[in-house]
Protein backbone atom coordinates (compact mmCIF):
# COMPACT_ATOMS: atom_id res chain seq x y z
CA MET A 1 154.10 73.17 107.68
CA LEU A 2 150.89 71.39 106.64
CA SER A 3 149.26 72.50 103.43
CA HIS A 4 145.97 74.41 103.63
CA GLN A 5 144.07 71.33 102.37
CA ARG A 6 145.71 69.08 104.97
CA GLN A 7 144.99 71.60 107.76
CA THR A 8 141.35 71.83 106.68
CA LEU A 9 141.06 68.04 106.61
CA PHE A 10 142.44 67.66 110.14
CA VAL A 11 140.01 70.33 111.43
CA ARG A 12 137.09 68.49 109.84
CA VAL A 13 138.27 65.18 111.29
CA ALA A 14 138.55 66.70 114.77
CA LEU A 15 135.00 68.05 114.51
CA LEU A 16 133.75 64.65 113.36
CA LEU A 17 135.35 62.93 116.35
CA VAL A 18 133.72 65.39 118.72
CA VAL A 19 130.33 64.84 117.06
CA PHE A 20 130.77 61.06 117.37
CA ALA A 21 131.38 61.52 121.09
CA LEU A 22 128.25 63.54 121.76
CA PRO A 23 125.86 60.59 122.35
CA VAL A 24 127.88 59.61 125.42
CA PRO A 25 126.69 61.80 128.32
CA ARG A 26 129.37 63.74 130.11
CA PRO A 27 129.04 64.51 133.79
CA ALA A 28 129.52 68.02 135.08
CA GLN A 29 133.18 67.76 135.88
CA ALA A 30 136.28 69.60 134.85
CA SER A 31 139.30 67.70 133.58
CA THR A 32 142.21 65.59 134.70
CA TYR A 33 145.58 64.23 133.60
CA VAL A 34 145.24 61.24 131.28
CA VAL A 35 148.35 59.06 130.99
CA PHE A 36 147.84 55.80 129.13
CA ILE A 37 149.42 52.67 130.64
CA PRO A 38 151.79 50.73 128.30
CA LEU A 39 150.35 47.38 127.27
CA ASP A 40 153.25 45.42 128.79
CA SER A 41 152.67 46.92 132.24
CA PRO A 42 151.93 44.48 135.12
CA VAL A 43 148.93 46.70 135.96
CA TYR A 44 146.92 44.78 133.35
CA ASP A 45 147.95 41.41 134.85
CA GLU A 46 146.81 42.59 138.27
CA LEU A 47 143.49 43.97 136.98
CA ASP A 48 142.86 40.79 134.98
CA GLU A 49 143.48 38.72 138.10
CA LEU A 50 141.07 40.81 140.19
CA ASP A 51 138.50 40.64 137.40
CA GLY A 52 138.86 36.87 137.16
CA LEU A 53 138.42 36.49 140.91
CA GLY A 54 135.21 38.54 140.66
CA TYR A 55 136.17 41.80 142.40
CA LEU A 56 135.65 44.22 139.48
CA ASP A 57 132.17 45.34 138.41
CA SER A 58 132.91 47.79 135.56
CA TYR A 59 136.21 46.67 134.03
CA LEU A 60 136.05 46.41 130.22
CA PRO A 61 139.37 44.81 129.18
CA GLU A 62 138.42 44.65 125.49
CA ILE A 63 139.60 48.26 124.96
CA LYS A 64 143.23 48.97 125.81
CA PRO A 65 145.17 50.94 126.79
CA ILE A 66 143.40 52.48 129.76
CA SER A 67 144.58 55.52 131.69
CA ARG A 68 146.29 55.52 135.07
CA VAL A 69 143.37 57.36 136.65
CA GLU A 70 140.92 54.73 135.34
CA ALA A 71 143.13 51.95 136.73
CA ALA A 72 143.09 53.81 140.06
CA ARG A 73 139.29 53.93 140.00
CA LEU A 74 139.16 50.18 139.35
CA THR A 75 141.56 49.62 142.25
CA LEU A 76 139.20 51.40 144.62
CA GLU A 77 136.26 49.46 143.19
CA ALA A 78 138.02 46.14 143.87
CA GLU A 79 138.99 47.36 147.34
CA ARG A 80 135.33 48.01 148.22
CA ASN A 81 134.21 44.65 146.86
CA LEU A 82 136.93 42.80 148.75
CA LYS A 83 135.83 44.39 152.01
CA GLU A 84 132.26 43.24 151.36
CA ALA A 85 133.29 39.69 150.47
CA GLU A 86 132.30 36.84 152.75
CA GLN A 87 135.88 35.65 153.18
CA HIS A 88 139.30 37.27 152.99
CA GLU A 89 141.38 36.35 149.92
CA SER A 90 145.13 36.82 150.18
CA LEU A 91 145.80 36.82 146.41
CA ALA A 92 143.33 39.68 145.87
CA ASP A 93 145.04 41.53 148.73
CA ALA A 94 148.39 41.11 146.99
CA MET A 95 147.01 42.47 143.71
CA LEU A 96 145.54 45.49 145.48
CA ASN A 97 148.77 46.17 147.36
CA ALA A 98 150.70 46.15 144.07
CA LEU A 99 148.21 48.50 142.42
CA ARG A 100 148.32 50.89 145.38
CA GLU A 101 152.10 51.04 145.01
CA GLU A 102 151.97 51.64 141.24
CA LEU A 103 149.04 54.08 141.19
CA GLY A 104 149.40 55.72 144.60
CA GLU A 105 149.27 59.27 143.25
CA GLU A 106 146.10 58.79 141.20
CA ILE A 107 144.43 56.81 144.00
CA GLY A 108 145.15 59.77 146.28
CA TRP A 109 143.39 62.09 143.80
CA LEU A 110 140.26 59.94 143.88
CA ARG A 111 140.23 59.43 147.65
CA SER A 112 140.37 63.19 148.22
CA ASN A 113 137.97 63.98 145.32
CA ALA A 114 140.73 65.97 143.64
CA GLU A 115 140.86 64.21 140.26
CA ASP A 116 139.99 67.49 138.53
CA LEU A 117 142.04 69.83 140.73
CA GLN A 118 145.65 68.92 140.03
CA PRO A 119 148.56 71.37 139.72
CA THR A 120 151.11 71.38 136.94
CA MET A 121 153.50 68.46 137.42
CA ILE A 122 156.39 66.67 135.74
CA HIS A 123 157.31 62.99 136.00
CA PRO A 124 160.58 62.95 134.05
CA ILE A 125 161.00 59.18 134.47
CA ASP A 126 157.80 57.19 134.76
CA ARG A 127 159.45 53.85 133.93
CA ILE A 128 162.77 52.58 132.62
CA GLU A 129 163.16 49.04 131.36
CA ALA A 130 166.06 46.82 130.32
CA GLN A 131 165.21 43.81 128.19
CA TYR A 132 167.28 40.98 126.75
CA ILE A 133 165.96 38.83 123.88
CA TYR A 134 167.70 35.82 122.36
CA SER A 135 166.09 34.67 119.13
CA ARG A 136 166.87 31.77 116.85
CA GLY A 137 165.01 30.21 113.92
CA VAL A 138 163.48 31.02 110.54
CA ARG A 139 160.99 33.88 110.61
CA ASP A 140 157.61 33.75 108.90
CA TYR A 141 156.81 36.23 106.18
CA TRP A 142 153.93 36.90 103.83
CA LYS A 143 154.90 38.47 100.50
CA THR A 144 152.59 37.88 97.58
CA ASN A 145 153.13 38.21 93.87
CA ASN A 146 150.06 40.42 93.38
CA ASN A 147 150.62 42.91 96.22
CA THR A 148 147.77 41.69 98.40
CA LEU A 149 150.05 41.37 101.43
CA ASN A 150 153.60 42.37 102.37
CA ALA A 151 154.59 41.59 105.96
CA ALA A 152 157.28 39.87 107.99
CA GLU A 153 157.38 38.42 111.50
CA GLY A 154 159.07 40.63 114.07
CA THR A 155 160.53 38.33 116.69
CA PRO A 156 159.49 34.66 116.58
CA LEU A 157 157.48 33.64 119.67
CA MET A 158 157.48 37.27 120.89
CA PRO A 159 154.45 38.98 119.33
CA ASN A 160 152.85 42.28 120.36
CA ASN A 161 156.19 43.92 121.11
CA ASP A 162 155.44 47.26 119.40
CA GLY A 163 157.37 46.25 116.30
CA LEU A 164 160.74 46.65 118.02
CA PRO A 165 163.48 45.33 115.69
CA THR A 166 165.47 42.24 116.65
CA ALA A 167 167.89 40.02 114.78
CA THR A 168 168.92 36.40 115.12
CA GLY A 169 171.03 35.97 118.24
CA SER A 170 171.27 38.32 121.20
CA ASN A 171 169.35 41.58 121.32
CA GLU A 172 169.42 44.30 123.95
CA ILE A 173 166.53 46.71 124.40
CA GLY A 174 166.28 49.77 126.60
CA ARG A 175 162.98 51.60 127.08
CA GLY A 176 162.11 54.74 128.98
CA SER A 177 159.02 56.88 129.48
CA GLY A 178 157.89 60.03 131.25
CA TRP A 179 155.00 62.46 131.32
CA VAL A 180 154.06 66.03 132.14
CA GLY A 181 150.70 67.54 133.14
CA ILE A 182 149.95 71.21 132.49
CA GLY A 183 147.05 73.33 133.70
CA GLY A 184 145.06 70.42 135.09
CA PHE A 185 143.84 69.19 131.67
CA LEU A 186 146.76 68.84 129.19
CA THR A 187 149.08 65.84 129.35
CA GLY A 188 152.17 65.04 127.33
CA TYR A 189 153.47 61.47 127.36
CA GLY A 190 156.32 59.72 125.58
CA GLU A 191 158.06 56.33 125.55
CA GLY A 192 161.18 55.66 123.50
CA ALA A 193 163.42 52.65 122.96
CA ILE A 194 166.83 51.63 121.71
CA ALA A 195 166.60 48.10 120.30
CA GLY A 196 168.65 45.51 118.48
CA PRO A 197 172.05 43.81 118.85
CA LEU A 198 174.79 45.93 120.38
CA THR A 199 177.27 45.01 117.65
CA ARG A 200 175.16 45.57 114.51
CA ASP A 201 172.01 47.17 113.17
CA VAL A 202 168.85 45.34 112.11
CA PRO A 203 168.48 45.93 108.33
CA GLY A 204 165.60 48.21 107.47
CA TYR A 205 165.07 49.52 111.03
CA ASN A 206 166.37 52.39 113.09
CA ARG A 207 167.97 51.45 116.39
CA ALA A 208 166.27 54.33 118.22
CA GLN A 209 162.47 54.47 118.05
CA LEU A 210 159.61 56.43 119.51
CA ILE A 211 157.21 53.72 120.68
CA SER A 212 154.45 56.04 121.79
CA GLY A 213 154.12 59.74 122.32
CA GLU A 214 151.07 61.93 122.39
CA ALA A 215 149.48 65.07 123.72
CA VAL A 216 146.19 64.43 125.52
CA VAL A 217 143.46 66.94 126.35
CA SER A 218 140.74 65.79 128.76
CA LEU A 219 137.30 67.34 128.39
CA GLY A 220 134.93 65.96 131.00
CA ASN A 221 135.02 62.20 130.57
CA ASN A 222 136.61 62.35 127.12
CA ALA A 223 140.32 62.26 126.28
CA ILE A 224 141.36 63.68 122.92
CA SER A 225 144.92 62.78 121.96
CA PHE A 226 147.20 63.16 118.97
CA GLY A 227 150.36 61.15 118.47
CA GLN A 228 151.53 57.54 118.44
CA GLU A 229 149.67 55.31 120.85
CA GLU A 230 149.45 51.55 121.39
CA THR A 231 146.11 49.90 120.65
CA ALA A 232 144.62 46.51 121.57
CA TRP A 233 140.97 45.70 120.84
CA GLY A 234 139.19 42.44 121.46
CA THR A 235 138.88 39.51 123.84
CA GLY A 236 142.00 37.53 122.85
CA HIS A 237 144.53 36.81 125.57
CA TYR A 238 147.51 35.86 123.39
CA ALA A 239 146.83 38.34 120.59
CA PRO A 240 143.81 40.58 119.83
CA LEU A 241 141.91 39.66 116.69
CA SER A 242 140.92 43.21 115.72
CA GLN A 243 143.79 45.63 116.53
CA SER A 244 147.05 44.73 118.27
CA ALA A 245 150.42 46.13 119.34
CA ASN A 246 152.30 43.72 117.08
CA ALA A 247 153.43 46.52 114.75
CA GLN A 248 154.75 49.95 115.67
CA PRO A 249 152.10 52.46 116.77
CA PHE A 250 151.02 54.75 113.94
CA PRO A 251 150.26 58.49 114.18
CA ALA A 252 146.59 59.14 114.86
CA LEU A 253 144.02 61.49 116.32
CA ARG A 254 142.01 59.64 119.00
CA LEU A 255 139.00 60.16 121.21
CA GLN A 256 138.39 57.81 124.15
CA THR A 257 136.11 57.77 127.18
CA ILE A 258 138.20 57.80 130.36
CA HIS A 259 135.76 56.05 132.72
CA PRO A 260 132.78 53.85 131.78
CA ARG A 261 129.52 55.77 131.47
CA TYR A 262 125.87 55.01 130.78
CA LEU A 263 124.14 56.03 127.54
CA PRO A 264 120.92 58.08 127.80
CA TRP A 265 117.29 56.94 127.76
CA ILE A 266 116.53 53.29 127.01
CA LEU A 267 120.15 52.71 125.98
CA ARG A 268 120.99 52.93 129.65
CA TYR A 269 120.09 49.25 129.86
CA LEU A 270 123.28 48.50 127.93
CA GLY A 271 125.08 49.17 131.21
CA PRO A 272 128.39 50.98 131.70
CA GLY A 273 130.29 51.37 128.46
CA ARG A 274 133.46 52.71 126.90
CA ARG A 275 134.33 53.71 123.37
CA GLU A 276 137.30 54.77 121.31
CA ILE A 277 137.50 56.41 117.90
CA PHE A 278 140.67 57.13 115.97
CA MET A 279 141.85 58.32 112.58
CA GLY A 280 145.45 57.83 111.53
CA GLN A 281 147.69 57.50 108.53
CA LEU A 282 149.84 54.53 107.56
CA ASP A 283 153.22 54.26 105.82
CA HIS A 284 154.07 55.03 102.20
CA ASP A 285 156.11 51.93 101.23
CA ARG A 286 153.41 49.30 100.68
CA LEU A 287 154.69 47.43 97.60
CA GLY A 288 154.88 43.65 97.39
CA ASN A 289 158.15 41.74 97.38
CA LEU A 290 158.68 41.63 93.62
CA GLY A 291 159.26 45.34 93.24
CA VAL A 292 156.97 45.49 90.19
CA PRO A 293 154.66 48.53 90.10
CA LEU A 294 151.14 47.51 91.05
CA ARG A 295 149.66 49.22 88.00
CA GLU A 296 151.62 46.83 85.74
CA GLN A 297 150.16 43.85 87.58
CA THR A 298 146.53 44.83 88.11
CA GLY A 299 145.92 48.05 86.21
CA LEU A 300 145.39 49.92 89.49
CA PRO A 301 147.81 52.49 90.94
CA VAL A 302 149.88 51.94 94.06
CA VAL A 303 148.29 53.33 97.25
CA SER A 304 150.61 55.35 99.47
CA ARG A 305 149.87 56.60 103.01
CA PRO A 306 146.23 55.42 103.24
CA TRP A 307 143.96 56.66 106.02
CA ILE A 308 142.76 54.30 108.74
CA VAL A 309 139.65 54.99 110.83
CA GLY A 310 138.48 52.82 113.72
CA HIS A 311 135.62 52.75 116.21
CA VAL A 312 135.09 50.35 119.12
CA LEU A 313 132.27 50.12 121.67
CA ALA A 314 132.10 47.86 124.73
CA PHE A 315 129.24 47.53 127.23
CA LYS A 316 128.40 45.50 130.34
CA PRO A 317 124.58 45.15 130.38
CA LEU A 318 124.68 42.47 133.10
CA PRO A 319 127.22 41.68 135.83
CA TRP A 320 128.08 38.47 134.00
CA LEU A 321 127.90 39.69 130.38
CA GLU A 322 130.02 42.01 128.21
CA LEU A 323 129.26 42.90 124.58
CA GLY A 324 131.01 45.02 122.00
CA MET A 325 131.70 45.78 118.38
CA THR A 326 134.57 47.09 116.28
CA ARG A 327 134.65 48.84 112.92
CA VAL A 328 137.83 49.80 111.05
CA ILE A 329 138.33 50.94 107.46
CA LEU A 330 141.35 51.69 105.26
CA PHE A 331 140.77 54.20 102.46
CA GLY A 332 142.28 57.05 100.50
CA GLY A 333 145.94 57.80 100.24
CA ARG A 334 147.95 58.90 97.26
CA ASN A 335 146.51 57.60 93.95
CA ASN A 336 143.37 56.46 95.78
CA ASP A 337 141.59 59.69 96.71
CA HIS A 338 139.59 60.73 93.65
CA TYR A 339 136.57 61.86 95.66
CA ASN A 340 135.20 65.04 97.27
CA PHE A 341 134.50 65.73 100.94
CA SER A 342 131.18 63.86 100.85
CA GLY A 343 133.09 60.85 99.52
CA PHE A 344 135.57 61.25 102.35
CA LEU A 345 132.74 61.48 104.87
CA GLY A 346 131.12 58.32 103.50
CA ARG A 347 134.36 56.40 103.88
CA PHE A 348 135.11 57.89 107.29
CA THR A 349 131.76 56.74 108.66
CA GLY A 350 131.71 53.50 106.64
CA LEU A 351 128.19 54.32 105.41
CA ASN A 352 129.22 54.77 101.78
CA THR A 353 132.57 53.27 100.79
CA GLY A 354 132.35 54.35 97.16
CA ARG A 355 133.87 52.46 94.23
CA PRO A 356 137.42 51.22 93.55
CA ASN A 357 137.83 53.43 90.50
CA ASN A 358 137.51 56.62 92.55
CA GLY A 359 138.89 55.42 95.89
CA ASN A 360 139.26 51.80 97.00
CA THR A 361 138.55 50.76 100.60
CA HIS A 362 139.22 47.81 102.91
CA SER A 363 136.64 47.40 105.69
CA ARG A 364 136.73 45.24 108.81
CA GLY A 365 134.04 44.78 111.41
CA GLY A 366 133.74 42.62 114.48
CA LEU A 367 131.47 41.53 117.31
CA PHE A 368 132.63 40.13 120.64
CA MET A 369 131.08 38.82 123.83
CA ARG A 370 132.38 37.68 127.18
CA PHE A 371 130.27 36.05 129.88
CA ARG A 372 130.99 34.70 133.32
CA ILE A 373 129.63 31.60 135.10
CA PRO A 374 130.04 32.37 138.83
CA TRP A 375 128.90 28.95 140.07
CA LEU A 376 131.52 27.23 137.86
CA ARG A 377 134.67 28.54 139.58
CA ASN A 378 133.98 31.96 138.03
CA THR A 379 134.68 30.52 134.57
CA ILE A 380 134.78 33.10 131.75
CA VAL A 381 133.82 32.19 128.18
CA TYR A 382 134.58 34.61 125.36
CA GLN A 383 134.05 34.69 121.61
CA GLU A 384 134.86 37.17 118.85
CA MET A 385 134.45 37.27 115.10
CA VAL A 386 135.88 39.75 112.61
CA GLY A 387 134.79 40.04 109.00
CA ALA A 388 136.62 41.63 106.07
CA ASP A 389 134.92 43.84 103.46
CA ASN A 390 131.23 44.29 102.83
CA LEU A 391 128.34 42.18 101.53
CA THR A 392 127.23 44.79 98.99
CA LEU A 393 126.81 42.25 96.18
CA GLU A 394 125.36 39.50 98.36
CA ILE A 395 122.83 41.70 100.25
CA PRO A 396 122.47 44.89 98.17
CA THR A 397 120.09 46.73 100.53
CA VAL A 398 122.08 46.59 103.76
CA GLY A 399 125.23 44.78 102.69
CA ARG A 400 127.41 47.86 102.62
CA PHE A 401 126.91 48.21 106.39
CA MET A 402 127.96 44.60 107.09
CA PRO A 403 131.71 43.89 106.81
CA PHE A 404 131.33 40.12 107.30
CA LEU A 405 132.18 38.70 103.88
CA SER A 406 135.14 36.66 105.16
CA VAL A 407 134.94 35.87 108.86
CA SER A 408 137.79 35.09 111.26
CA GLU A 409 137.04 33.72 114.72
CA GLN A 410 138.63 33.64 118.13
CA GLY A 411 137.32 32.26 121.38
CA GLY A 412 138.29 30.66 124.61
CA VAL A 413 137.59 29.53 128.15
CA TYR A 414 139.33 30.92 131.21
CA VAL A 415 139.01 29.27 134.62
CA PRO A 416 140.49 31.70 137.20
CA ARG A 417 139.83 29.34 140.14
CA LEU A 418 140.98 25.99 138.86
CA THR A 419 141.88 25.19 142.47
CA GLU A 420 139.72 26.25 145.39
CA ASP A 421 142.37 28.62 146.77
CA GLY A 422 142.23 30.72 143.57
CA LEU A 423 145.99 30.46 143.00
CA THR A 424 145.81 28.23 139.92
CA ASP A 425 144.13 29.11 136.62
CA LEU A 426 143.55 27.41 133.27
CA ARG A 427 143.07 28.93 129.82
CA PHE A 428 142.15 27.46 126.45
CA GLU A 429 141.98 29.68 123.37
CA TYR A 430 141.58 29.06 119.65
CA THR A 431 141.97 31.31 116.61
CA ILE A 432 140.91 30.69 113.00
CA THR A 433 141.72 33.36 110.42
CA SER A 434 140.22 33.52 106.95
CA PRO A 435 142.28 33.79 103.73
CA GLN A 436 141.18 37.44 103.49
CA TYR A 437 141.88 38.24 107.15
CA VAL A 438 144.52 40.89 106.39
CA THR A 439 144.93 40.67 102.60
CA HIS A 440 143.63 43.16 100.04
CA GLY A 441 144.55 44.38 96.59
CA GLN A 442 146.03 47.78 95.76
CA SER A 443 148.27 47.65 98.89
CA LEU A 444 145.37 48.17 101.33
CA PHE A 445 146.57 45.28 103.47
CA TRP A 446 146.58 45.42 107.28
CA THR A 447 150.22 46.28 108.03
CA TYR A 448 152.36 49.14 109.28
CA LYS A 449 156.12 49.32 108.73
CA GLY A 450 156.06 45.79 107.33
CA GLN A 451 154.38 44.08 110.31
CA LEU A 452 150.81 42.92 110.88
CA MET A 453 148.66 45.30 112.95
CA THR A 454 146.33 42.46 113.94
CA ASP A 455 146.88 38.94 115.26
CA PRO A 456 150.43 38.05 114.13
CA LEU A 457 149.15 34.61 113.14
CA GLY A 458 148.42 36.01 109.68
CA PRO A 459 145.80 34.94 107.11
CA ASN A 460 144.41 31.44 106.43
CA ALA A 461 145.73 29.99 109.68
CA SER A 462 144.56 28.36 112.89
CA GLN A 463 146.02 28.02 116.36
CA VAL A 464 145.06 26.44 119.67
CA ASN A 465 146.64 27.40 123.02
CA LEU A 466 146.45 25.68 126.39
CA GLN A 467 147.98 27.24 129.50
CA VAL A 468 148.07 26.51 133.23
CA GLY A 469 149.22 29.20 135.66
CA ARG A 470 150.06 29.23 139.37
CA TRP A 471 150.74 32.02 141.84
CA ILE A 472 153.59 31.39 144.29
CA ASN A 473 153.67 33.30 147.59
CA ASN A 474 151.12 35.72 146.07
CA ARG A 475 154.06 37.42 144.38
CA TYR A 476 155.25 35.23 141.50
CA LYS A 477 153.11 33.98 138.60
CA VAL A 478 154.34 31.00 136.55
CA ASP A 479 152.47 30.03 133.36
CA LEU A 480 153.21 26.84 131.41
CA GLY A 481 151.64 26.67 127.96
CA ALA A 482 151.54 24.63 124.76
CA PHE A 483 150.27 25.54 121.29
CA TYR A 484 149.72 24.06 117.84
CA THR A 485 149.54 26.09 114.62
CA GLU A 486 148.64 25.47 110.97
CA GLN A 487 149.12 28.02 108.20
CA ALA A 488 148.35 27.81 104.50
CA ARG A 489 148.88 30.21 101.65
CA SER A 490 145.97 32.58 101.15
CA PHE A 491 146.47 33.79 97.60
CA SER A 492 146.57 32.65 94.02
CA THR A 493 149.43 32.93 91.53
CA ASP A 494 147.47 35.09 89.12
CA PHE A 495 150.69 36.40 87.58
CA PRO A 496 152.90 33.29 87.18
CA THR A 497 155.28 35.02 84.77
CA LEU A 498 156.24 37.43 87.56
CA LEU A 499 157.29 34.66 89.95
CA PRO A 500 161.04 34.50 90.63
CA PRO A 501 162.77 31.10 90.28
CA ASN A 502 163.02 30.66 94.06
CA TYR A 503 159.47 31.81 94.87
CA PRO A 504 158.83 30.13 98.25
CA TYR A 505 155.09 29.60 98.32
CA GLN A 506 153.93 26.10 97.52
CA THR A 507 150.69 24.20 98.11
CA THR A 508 151.83 22.70 101.41
CA LYS A 509 150.81 23.86 104.88
CA GLU A 510 153.15 25.05 107.57
CA HIS A 511 152.71 23.14 110.84
CA SER A 512 154.27 24.02 114.16
CA VAL A 513 154.06 22.93 117.77
CA GLY A 514 155.63 24.62 120.76
CA VAL A 515 155.78 25.16 124.52
CA THR A 516 156.14 28.35 126.57
CA LEU A 517 157.11 29.25 130.12
CA ASP A 518 156.27 32.72 131.43
CA VAL A 519 157.28 34.20 134.78
CA LEU A 520 156.02 37.45 136.31
CA ARG A 521 157.12 39.04 139.55
CA LEU A 522 154.86 41.72 140.97
CA PRO A 523 156.37 45.16 141.69
CA GLU A 524 158.42 45.51 144.86
CA ARG A 525 160.06 48.56 146.38
CA VAL A 526 163.84 48.80 146.20
CA HIS A 527 164.95 51.11 149.00
CA ARG A 528 168.49 51.47 147.66
CA LEU A 529 167.09 52.94 144.45
CA ALA A 530 165.05 55.76 145.97
CA ASP A 531 162.15 53.43 146.77
CA SER A 532 161.62 52.66 143.09
CA LEU A 533 159.25 49.85 142.14
CA ALA A 534 161.03 46.94 140.46
CA THR A 535 159.25 44.39 138.25
CA PHE A 536 160.59 41.28 136.51
CA ARG A 537 159.15 39.39 133.55
CA GLY A 538 160.64 36.40 131.73
CA ARG A 539 159.67 34.09 128.89
CA VAL A 540 161.14 30.94 127.36
CA ALA A 541 159.56 29.48 124.21
CA VAL A 542 160.55 26.62 121.91
CA GLU A 543 158.77 25.71 118.67
CA TYR A 544 159.30 23.15 115.93
CA SER A 545 158.10 24.32 112.52
CA ASP A 546 157.57 22.03 109.52
CA HIS A 547 157.30 23.32 105.93
CA THR A 548 158.27 26.77 107.16
CA ASN A 549 156.98 29.51 104.85
CA TYR A 550 155.19 26.74 102.90
CA ASP A 551 158.48 25.31 101.64
CA PRO A 552 158.39 21.46 101.82
CA ALA A 553 162.15 21.31 102.25
CA GLN A 554 162.38 23.80 105.12
CA HIS A 555 162.18 22.89 108.80
CA SER A 556 163.12 25.05 111.75
CA VAL A 557 163.53 24.89 115.49
CA ARG A 558 162.69 28.32 116.84
CA VAL A 559 163.86 29.40 120.28
CA MET A 560 163.20 32.63 122.18
CA LEU A 561 164.46 33.75 125.57
CA MET A 562 163.31 37.06 127.03
CA MET A 563 164.20 38.64 130.37
CA SER A 564 162.97 42.08 131.33
CA THR A 565 163.28 44.20 134.43
CA SER A 566 161.81 47.64 134.94
CA LEU A 567 162.06 50.40 137.52
CA SER A 568 159.47 53.05 138.33
CA PRO A 569 160.83 55.86 140.57
CA THR A 570 157.54 56.83 142.21
CA GLY A 571 159.05 59.72 144.17
CA LEU A 572 160.67 61.48 141.22
CA SER A 573 158.28 64.30 140.33
CA TRP A 574 157.92 68.07 140.57
CA LYS A 575 154.70 70.03 141.18
CA TRP A 576 153.89 73.72 141.30
């Protein structure tokens, strides 16, 4: 049972989330079933392809996940635009056929105008997946002597995998999900996994994990959920700069708009927009690698279970332009909550973050844009920047509202029609992270369960990616990529007497270069398995790393092989 104080706090947080949602107008509609699509679903590949080809008008890919019913709406939008196009495009047809297969039930709701009139239903198995990962090579880790960061790489060359544990060698992963809708407005969803080598456990991790699981209530165009849910914010293709699915999902209360909507009055000129707000709580074990209490090192107490609050907005004011902003703050937690409710409210909103002596905070804020050049093969250019902590000292009047003290950047160019037939694409993307990208004193660093919740590149690093992709028979996508990475230490040895004899961090940079090969097969019905939809995804990656973990004597060849196949039994459901 929650204590009375904790119950009161959650009630206040729920009311705050509702108040934050009020500026977004809600149409006069009832409710629907909101089931969020896992981030590794091919639905996102298909929507991204349709968006790149120019058949989506209101898709905002900077906020993920989206719901199945929103993906169904986008499918119908692309269908209408394809019919109005001057020429027929077979690749777009293939994407639409795949989406109709995957989202047939929700598309049927929208076609019959019955989105808000659904009976109680159960989908006991929404998707089951079998995955094999072979991993070899030294893993990166960031463990400082002054507790400004404590994180380790999950699986080399396999980021954004929900923090599933793997070990060197062969790993077998099984995943399964299902959902239930009750009363036309309440949805329960869950996805679990069993991960790791068959013959041994991965130290520090449980073999069985709940990847995501939440209860969702839809109120008009708003979905209010509580549970563990994947999150990806930003424009990055290889890894989001703001929030990612690199670490395990954390428990949170969330509010998200289901479909894009217009703001009232003059703000309507911002175009269709979506937003998401969440408040969650992180883990308790946030010490650095030396095991020395933080108070003995810095005079400040260790922070345990800090709160995390995030807010993202994305708009499309013009058919060729998308804009958005993110704001996330870490605050509170055990030994860091010496403030009253007004102090909590100031930290929750980010308007008054207080002082370290009564409750330290770690703020992040970002801006992103994405614009399209139709006459240049529909080329898309995108750019994002994320700053850490405020400019209170530099700009006293407004600095506390501006978390851009230490800026990280990410941007790229995507050419969806490198060839005239639209079957070949090209992508270039770069990322530069600042030394303070995820680091912070008093254990308020950007991790959960020992893994980075942001771009897994880490602090004080840079990376460039180049990738060429080709569709084969409108069914298979093959991507060949190359990347180069530099990483440098992002901290000082302020406590040299605490350094162990084999402390790994030196003044050298880690350099690495690698190549990747990704294969995707669109869903296809398997009649022998009750007409289930089968999907295949594979990845091979090889990387050479020099001065690994900043050790001049350490070199590593890192190899990763991943093969994954999933089944979605579309006919397995009960309604009444």
